[in-house]
């Protein structure tokens, strides 16, 4: 199982049975576009092209533009199944997307690659056009004998302790940018709550409000016996 970081809160998880894309914000992401423009690595440039990304499932945690910007075009081009809350899925149906699977908080479902549970996130949610975006959430993915927690945009919450009680989390993908979500201190507590010392950071550096000191972030997790990976955009790692 591999995971590729595509900037901000967007990841591509490749299991033996499916390619799963999370919260695509690629084309409007100025950091990604500068990287594409300046890179001489054709493979990287292609990897960061929203018009070339292939996926079987597209998971959306909530409706903010920096999580759905490329979703409609990717869904229509690839025919991937969109999985999100009922309101977001319905919004895409109105736009002509037919391969959908609505969920709501606390629910789980078996798919051909494994299992997804939609879990609580403390945030807000509205679609780019102002439509109601339902309740924000995160995802627990079980596939290939691994369990991944994608938190979405969230504050620290005691609900995360329930995740640690129910699952053995192999990898937690947590927001660390502060201001709009958890910062590093709360994210480290979240890692303790879910019982996982293997963390990938997300939702940082993209905008001025969420710039972080990478050294301080690493030190924050290290002092609690945890490891956090601040992946380079376009980097792929094995889980």
Protein backbone atom coordinates (compact mmCIF):
# COMPACT_ATOMS: atom_id res chain seq x y z
CA UNK A 1 0.00 0.00 0.00
CA UNK A 2 1.35 3.40 -1.03
CA UNK A 3 0.33 6.96 -0.29
CA UNK A 4 1.21 10.06 -2.33
CA UNK A 5 0.94 13.62 -1.05
CA UNK A 6 -0.60 15.98 -3.60
CA UNK A 7 -0.54 19.12 -1.48
CA UNK A 8 -2.64 20.71 1.28
CA UNK A 9 -5.02 17.93 2.40
CA UNK A 10 -5.00 15.88 -0.80
CA UNK A 11 -3.61 12.36 -0.82
CA UNK A 12 -3.79 9.40 -3.18
CA UNK A 13 -3.93 6.07 -1.36
CA UNK A 14 -3.16 3.06 -3.54
CA UNK A 15 -4.31 -0.28 -2.15
CA UNK A 16 -4.20 -3.64 -3.90
CA UNK A 17 -7.85 -3.16 -4.87
CA UNK A 18 -8.35 0.54 -5.54
CA UNK A 19 -6.92 4.01 -5.90
CA UNK A 20 -8.52 6.31 -3.33
CA UNK A 21 -8.20 10.08 -3.64
CA UNK A 22 -8.89 12.43 -0.72
CA UNK A 23 -10.02 16.08 -0.86
CA UNK A 24 -8.59 17.22 -4.23
CA UNK A 25 -7.31 20.80 -4.19
CA UNK A 26 -4.62 20.75 -6.86
CA UNK A 27 -5.30 23.13 -9.76
CA UNK A 28 -5.92 26.23 -7.56
CA UNK A 29 -3.07 25.39 -5.16
CA UNK A 30 -0.39 27.97 -5.99
CA UNK A 31 2.34 25.91 -4.30
CA UNK A 32 1.55 22.90 -6.48
CA UNK A 33 1.40 25.00 -9.63
CA UNK A 34 4.73 26.72 -8.90
CA UNK A 35 6.28 23.32 -8.28
CA UNK A 36 4.96 22.03 -11.60
CA UNK A 37 6.20 25.11 -13.45
CA UNK A 38 9.70 25.01 -11.95
CA UNK A 39 10.29 21.26 -11.94
CA UNK A 40 12.35 19.47 -14.58
CA UNK A 41 10.99 16.13 -13.32
CA UNK A 42 8.39 15.15 -15.90
CA UNK A 43 7.10 12.35 -13.70
CA UNK A 44 6.42 14.79 -10.88
CA UNK A 45 4.77 17.31 -13.22
CA UNK A 46 2.45 14.56 -14.49
CA UNK A 47 1.72 13.30 -10.97
CA UNK A 48 0.54 16.78 -9.96
CA UNK A 49 -1.71 17.30 -12.99
CA UNK A 50 -5.35 17.19 -11.85
CA UNK A 51 -6.40 16.35 -15.40
CA UNK A 52 -4.29 13.19 -15.39
CA UNK A 53 -4.91 11.77 -11.90
CA UNK A 54 -6.66 8.40 -11.92
CA UNK A 55 -8.74 7.10 -9.02
CA UNK A 56 -11.51 4.61 -8.31
CA UNK A 57 -12.90 6.37 -5.25
CA UNK A 58 -12.91 10.03 -4.26
CA UNK A 59 -13.45 10.72 -0.55
CA UNK A 60 -14.48 14.22 0.52
CA UNK A 61 -14.33 15.19 4.18
CA UNK A 62 -16.29 18.45 3.89
CA UNK A 63 -17.43 21.05 1.41
CA UNK A 64 -14.86 23.85 1.58
CA UNK A 65 -13.31 24.88 -1.74
CA UNK A 66 -9.81 23.87 -0.64
CA UNK A 67 -11.08 20.27 -0.39
CA UNK A 68 -13.38 19.94 -3.41
CA UNK A 69 -11.90 22.25 -6.07
CA UNK A 70 -10.95 19.52 -8.57
CA UNK A 71 -13.52 16.95 -7.48
CA UNK A 72 -16.18 17.49 -10.14
CA UNK A 73 -13.77 17.35 -13.08
CA UNK A 74 -11.97 14.28 -11.72
CA UNK A 75 -15.23 12.46 -11.00
CA UNK A 76 -16.64 13.11 -14.46
CA UNK A 77 -13.39 12.18 -16.24
CA UNK A 78 -12.62 9.01 -14.27
CA UNK A 79 -16.07 7.76 -13.32
CA UNK A 80 -14.79 7.29 -9.76
CA UNK A 81 -17.28 6.83 -6.94
CA UNK A 82 -17.62 9.83 -4.65
CA UNK A 83 -17.99 8.99 -0.96
CA UNK A 84 -18.99 11.73 1.45
CA UNK A 85 -21.88 12.91 3.57
CA UNK A 86 -25.38 12.89 2.09
CA UNK A 87 -25.46 16.64 1.40
CA UNK A 88 -22.15 16.73 -0.49
CA UNK A 89 -23.00 13.64 -2.52
CA UNK A 90 -26.39 15.18 -3.42
CA UNK A 91 -24.64 18.40 -4.49
CA UNK A 92 -22.50 16.43 -6.94
CA UNK A 93 -25.51 14.51 -8.23
CA UNK A 94 -27.13 17.80 -9.23
CA UNK A 95 -23.95 18.52 -11.20
CA UNK A 96 -24.35 15.28 -13.15
CA UNK A 97 -22.19 12.91 -11.10
CA UNK A 98 -23.98 9.56 -10.87
CA UNK A 99 -21.47 7.20 -9.22
CA UNK A 100 -22.08 8.16 -5.60
CA UNK A 101 -22.20 6.68 -2.12
CA UNK A 102 -23.64 8.86 0.68
CA UNK A 103 -22.67 8.28 4.31
CA UNK A 104 -23.20 9.97 7.62
CA UNK A 105 -21.32 10.18 10.91
CA UNK A 106 -20.82 6.86 12.66
CA UNK A 107 -21.77 4.82 9.62
CA UNK A 108 -19.55 2.27 7.91
CA UNK A 109 -19.73 0.35 4.66
CA UNK A 110 -17.90 -2.43 2.87
CA UNK A 111 -16.47 -1.62 -0.57
CA UNK A 112 -14.63 -3.82 -3.03
CA UNK A 113 -11.22 -2.79 -1.65
CA UNK A 114 -12.09 -2.87 2.06
CA UNK A 115 -14.14 -0.88 4.56
CA UNK A 116 -14.79 2.80 5.29
CA UNK A 117 -16.17 4.33 8.47
CA UNK A 118 -17.20 7.98 8.46
CA UNK A 119 -16.23 9.57 11.78
CA UNK A 120 -16.75 12.88 13.53
CA UNK A 121 -14.76 16.04 12.79
CA UNK A 122 -15.23 19.37 14.54
CA UNK A 123 -15.14 22.02 11.83
CA UNK A 124 -17.59 23.72 9.42
CA UNK A 125 -18.78 22.80 5.95
CA UNK A 126 -20.24 24.81 3.10
CA UNK A 127 -19.96 24.23 -0.63
CA UNK A 128 -18.12 26.72 -2.88
CA UNK A 129 -21.45 28.11 -4.14
CA UNK A 130 -22.79 28.63 -0.61
CA UNK A 131 -24.93 25.47 -0.52
CA UNK A 132 -25.20 23.58 2.74
CA UNK A 133 -22.32 21.12 3.07
CA UNK A 134 -23.65 18.91 5.86
CA UNK A 135 -21.52 17.80 8.78
CA UNK A 136 -17.74 17.58 8.29
CA UNK A 137 -16.11 14.23 8.93
CA UNK A 138 -13.06 12.05 8.70
CA UNK A 139 -12.53 8.53 7.40
CA UNK A 140 -11.24 5.25 8.79
CA UNK A 141 -10.00 3.11 5.89
CA UNK A 142 -9.42 -0.64 6.37
CA UNK A 143 -7.63 -2.31 3.47
CA UNK A 144 -4.79 -4.76 2.86
CA UNK A 145 -4.52 -5.51 6.57
CA UNK A 146 -3.86 -1.82 7.40
CA UNK A 147 -6.02 0.81 9.07
CA UNK A 148 -5.63 4.47 8.13
CA UNK A 149 -7.28 7.42 9.86
CA UNK A 150 -7.77 10.47 7.65
CA UNK A 151 -8.99 13.11 10.10
CA UNK A 152 -10.12 15.80 7.67
CA UNK A 153 -10.20 19.35 9.00
CA UNK A 154 -10.88 19.11 12.70
CA UNK A 155 -10.24 20.38 16.17
CA UNK A 156 -9.03 18.04 18.89
CA UNK A 157 -11.96 16.08 20.29
CA UNK A 158 -12.49 13.34 22.87
CA UNK A 159 -14.29 11.36 20.14
CA UNK A 160 -10.83 10.45 18.87
CA UNK A 161 -10.38 8.27 21.95
CA UNK A 162 -13.22 6.10 20.68
CA UNK A 163 -11.28 5.58 17.45
CA UNK A 164 -8.32 4.34 19.48
CA UNK A 165 -10.58 1.97 21.39
CA UNK A 166 -12.19 0.50 18.27
CA UNK A 167 -9.25 0.36 15.85
CA UNK A 168 -5.54 -0.33 15.76
CA UNK A 169 -4.50 2.65 13.64
CA UNK A 170 -1.40 2.05 11.51
CA UNK A 171 -1.26 5.58 10.09
CA UNK A 172 -3.01 8.80 11.12
CA UNK A 173 -3.20 11.74 8.70
CA UNK A 174 -3.80 14.81 10.86
CA UNK A 175 -4.13 18.56 10.23
CA UNK A 176 -1.38 20.59 11.92
CA UNK A 177 -1.71 24.09 10.45
CA UNK A 178 -3.52 25.68 13.40
CA UNK A 179 -5.86 28.70 12.97
CA UNK A 180 -8.54 26.73 11.02
CA UNK A 181 -7.77 23.28 12.51
CA UNK A 182 -5.64 21.65 15.17
CA UNK A 183 -2.09 22.87 15.56
CA UNK A 184 0.88 20.61 16.30
CA UNK A 185 0.26 20.39 20.05
CA UNK A 186 -3.34 19.30 19.70
CA UNK A 187 -2.49 17.02 16.78
CA UNK A 188 0.05 15.24 18.99
CA UNK A 189 -2.66 14.77 21.62
CA UNK A 190 -4.95 13.46 18.89
CA UNK A 191 -2.30 10.91 17.94
CA UNK A 192 -2.22 9.79 21.57
CA UNK A 193 -6.02 9.54 21.65
CA UNK A 194 -6.14 7.32 18.54
CA UNK A 195 -3.14 5.30 19.74
CA UNK A 196 -0.91 5.90 16.73
CA UNK A 197 2.69 7.14 16.71
CA UNK A 198 2.98 7.12 12.92
CA UNK A 199 1.64 10.44 11.66
CA UNK A 200 1.50 12.33 8.37
CA UNK A 201 0.77 16.05 8.63
CA UNK A 202 -1.67 17.87 6.37
CA UNK A 203 -3.40 21.24 5.98
CA UNK A 204 -0.35 23.43 6.56
CA UNK A 205 1.78 26.00 4.66
CA UNK A 206 -0.69 26.43 1.77
CA UNK A 207 -1.87 29.85 2.96
CA UNK A 208 -0.37 32.51 5.20
CA UNK A 209 -2.73 31.67 8.06
CA UNK A 210 -1.42 28.10 8.31
CA UNK A 211 2.33 28.45 7.84
CA UNK A 212 4.17 26.26 10.34
CA UNK A 213 7.70 25.93 11.69
CA UNK A 214 8.65 22.44 10.50
CA UNK A 215 11.40 22.03 13.09
CA UNK A 216 9.05 22.93 15.92
CA UNK A 217 6.39 20.54 14.62
CA UNK A 218 8.86 17.66 14.58
CA UNK A 219 10.07 18.54 18.08
CA UNK A 220 6.50 18.67 19.39
CA UNK A 221 5.78 15.13 18.25
CA UNK A 222 9.21 13.79 19.16
CA UNK A 223 8.93 14.85 22.79
CA UNK A 224 5.80 12.70 23.02
CA UNK A 225 7.53 9.68 21.47
CA UNK A 226 5.79 10.15 18.13
CA UNK A 227 6.98 10.49 14.55
CA UNK A 228 5.41 12.92 12.10
CA UNK A 229 6.21 13.00 8.39
CA UNK A 230 5.81 16.32 6.61
CA UNK A 231 5.87 14.86 3.13
CA UNK A 232 7.12 16.75 0.12
CA UNK A 233 4.43 17.46 -2.46
CA UNK A 234 4.50 14.63 -4.98
CA UNK A 235 6.31 12.28 -2.60
CA UNK A 236 5.15 8.68 -2.38
CA UNK A 237 5.77 6.43 0.60
CA UNK A 238 4.92 2.85 1.44
CA UNK A 239 2.65 2.24 4.41
